[in-house]
Amino acid sequence: MSHYILLLNWTDQGIRNVKDTIKRAEAFKSYLEKKGGKLAGVFYTFGQYDLVLVVELPNDDATLEVLLGTGALGNVRTTTLKAFNLEETQKIIENLK
């Protein structure tokens, strides 16, 4: 599984419907699971981003599908970072010459 950090900002529609945010987070978790993924963390934040999510998905194609499907709902805009855990990073470092 690949790891991704999603940095989210509410759109005007998303903040107008902020009372539904927990329901939307639960729906997102179910959507991820249907795509073979896992929601590892949801954090509501203040500062540059409104939410930070940590997700695991099988590959970049599945991630793009999830991001496009989520974005089409109109509640958030996303910035996505592909993340590597310690074990993955160690394997990459071992391949350095």
Protein backbone atom coordinates (compact mmCIF):
# COMPACT_ATOMS: atom_id res chain seq x y z
CA MET A 1 0.00 0.00 0.00
CA SER A 2 1.15 3.52 -0.73
CA HIS A 3 0.77 6.32 1.80
CA TYR A 4 -0.55 9.78 1.05
CA ILE A 5 -0.97 12.96 3.05
CA LEU A 6 -4.00 14.97 1.93
CA LEU A 7 -4.05 18.66 2.80
CA LEU A 8 -7.62 19.91 2.45
CA ASN A 9 -9.30 23.29 2.33
CA TRP A 10 -13.03 23.73 2.43
CA THR A 11 -14.69 25.35 -0.54
CA ASP A 12 -17.47 27.88 0.04
CA GLN A 13 -19.93 24.98 -0.24
CA GLY A 14 -17.93 22.85 2.20
CA ILE A 15 -17.79 25.51 4.92
CA ARG A 16 -21.48 26.41 4.45
CA ASN A 17 -22.25 22.76 5.21
CA VAL A 18 -19.65 22.36 7.97
CA LYS A 19 -22.19 20.69 10.25
CA ASP A 20 -22.07 17.71 7.88
CA THR A 21 -18.28 17.36 8.05
CA ILE A 22 -18.29 14.30 10.32
CA LYS A 23 -20.79 12.54 8.05
CA ARG A 24 -18.64 13.44 5.04
CA ALA A 25 -15.53 12.07 6.76
CA GLU A 26 -17.34 8.80 7.48
CA ALA A 27 -18.53 8.60 3.87
CA PHE A 28 -14.97 9.26 2.68
CA LYS A 29 -13.71 6.42 4.87
CA SER A 30 -16.25 4.03 3.32
CA TYR A 31 -15.35 5.24 -0.18
CA LEU A 32 -11.65 4.61 0.51
CA GLU A 33 -12.38 1.11 1.78
CA LYS A 34 -14.36 0.31 -1.39
CA LYS A 35 -11.29 1.33 -3.40
CA GLY A 36 -9.08 -0.95 -1.32
CA GLY A 37 -7.75 1.84 0.88
CA LYS A 38 -7.63 2.79 4.52
CA LEU A 39 -8.11 6.06 6.38
CA ALA A 40 -5.22 6.19 8.85
CA GLY A 41 -5.98 9.61 10.33
CA VAL A 42 -8.20 12.69 10.12
CA PHE A 43 -7.11 15.93 11.74
CA TYR A 44 -9.06 19.18 11.76
CA THR A 45 -6.54 22.01 11.82
CA PHE A 46 -6.23 25.75 11.81
CA GLY A 47 -3.68 27.59 9.75
CA GLN A 48 -3.09 27.10 6.05
CA TYR A 49 -5.21 23.93 5.81
CA ASP A 50 -8.59 23.04 7.31
CA LEU A 51 -7.99 19.29 7.46
CA VAL A 52 -5.09 16.88 7.15
CA LEU A 53 -5.80 13.26 6.23
CA VAL A 54 -3.44 10.31 6.16
CA VAL A 55 -4.58 7.59 3.76
CA GLU A 56 -3.29 4.32 2.38
CA LEU A 57 -4.24 3.22 -1.11
CA PRO A 58 -3.05 0.42 -3.40
CA ASN A 59 -1.45 2.68 -6.02
CA ASP A 60 -1.41 6.10 -7.68
CA ASP A 61 -4.25 5.19 -10.06
CA ALA A 62 -6.58 4.39 -7.15
CA THR A 63 -5.48 7.59 -5.43
CA LEU A 64 -6.25 9.73 -8.46
CA GLU A 65 -9.68 8.10 -8.76
CA VAL A 66 -10.43 8.84 -5.09
CA LEU A 67 -9.20 12.43 -5.38
CA LEU A 68 -11.21 13.14 -8.53
CA GLY A 69 -14.34 11.56 -7.07
CA THR A 70 -13.97 13.52 -3.84
CA GLY A 71 -13.19 16.78 -5.60
CA ALA A 72 -16.25 16.40 -7.82
CA LEU A 73 -18.47 16.62 -4.72
CA GLY A 74 -17.40 20.26 -4.36
CA ASN A 75 -16.72 20.40 -0.61
CA VAL A 76 -12.91 20.47 -0.53
CA ARG A 77 -9.84 21.29 -2.56
CA THR A 78 -6.87 19.01 -2.05
CA THR A 79 -3.10 19.12 -2.10
CA THR A 80 -1.66 15.62 -2.08
CA LEU A 81 1.74 14.40 -0.93
CA LYS A 82 2.98 10.88 -1.54
CA ALA A 83 4.63 9.72 1.69
CA PHE A 84 7.19 7.05 2.48
CA ASN A 85 7.50 5.32 5.85
CA LEU A 86 10.83 4.39 7.45
CA GLU A 87 10.96 0.90 5.94
CA GLU A 88 10.22 2.18 2.43
CA THR A 89 12.80 4.92 2.78
CA GLN A 90 15.40 2.44 4.04
CA LYS A 91 14.92 0.28 0.93
CA ILE A 92 15.35 3.33 -1.30
CA ILE A 93 18.49 4.41 0.55
CA GLU A 94 19.97 0.92 0.22
CA ASN A 95 19.69 1.26 -3.57
CA LEU A 96 21.74 4.45 -3.64
CA LYS A 97 25.17 4.04 -5.19
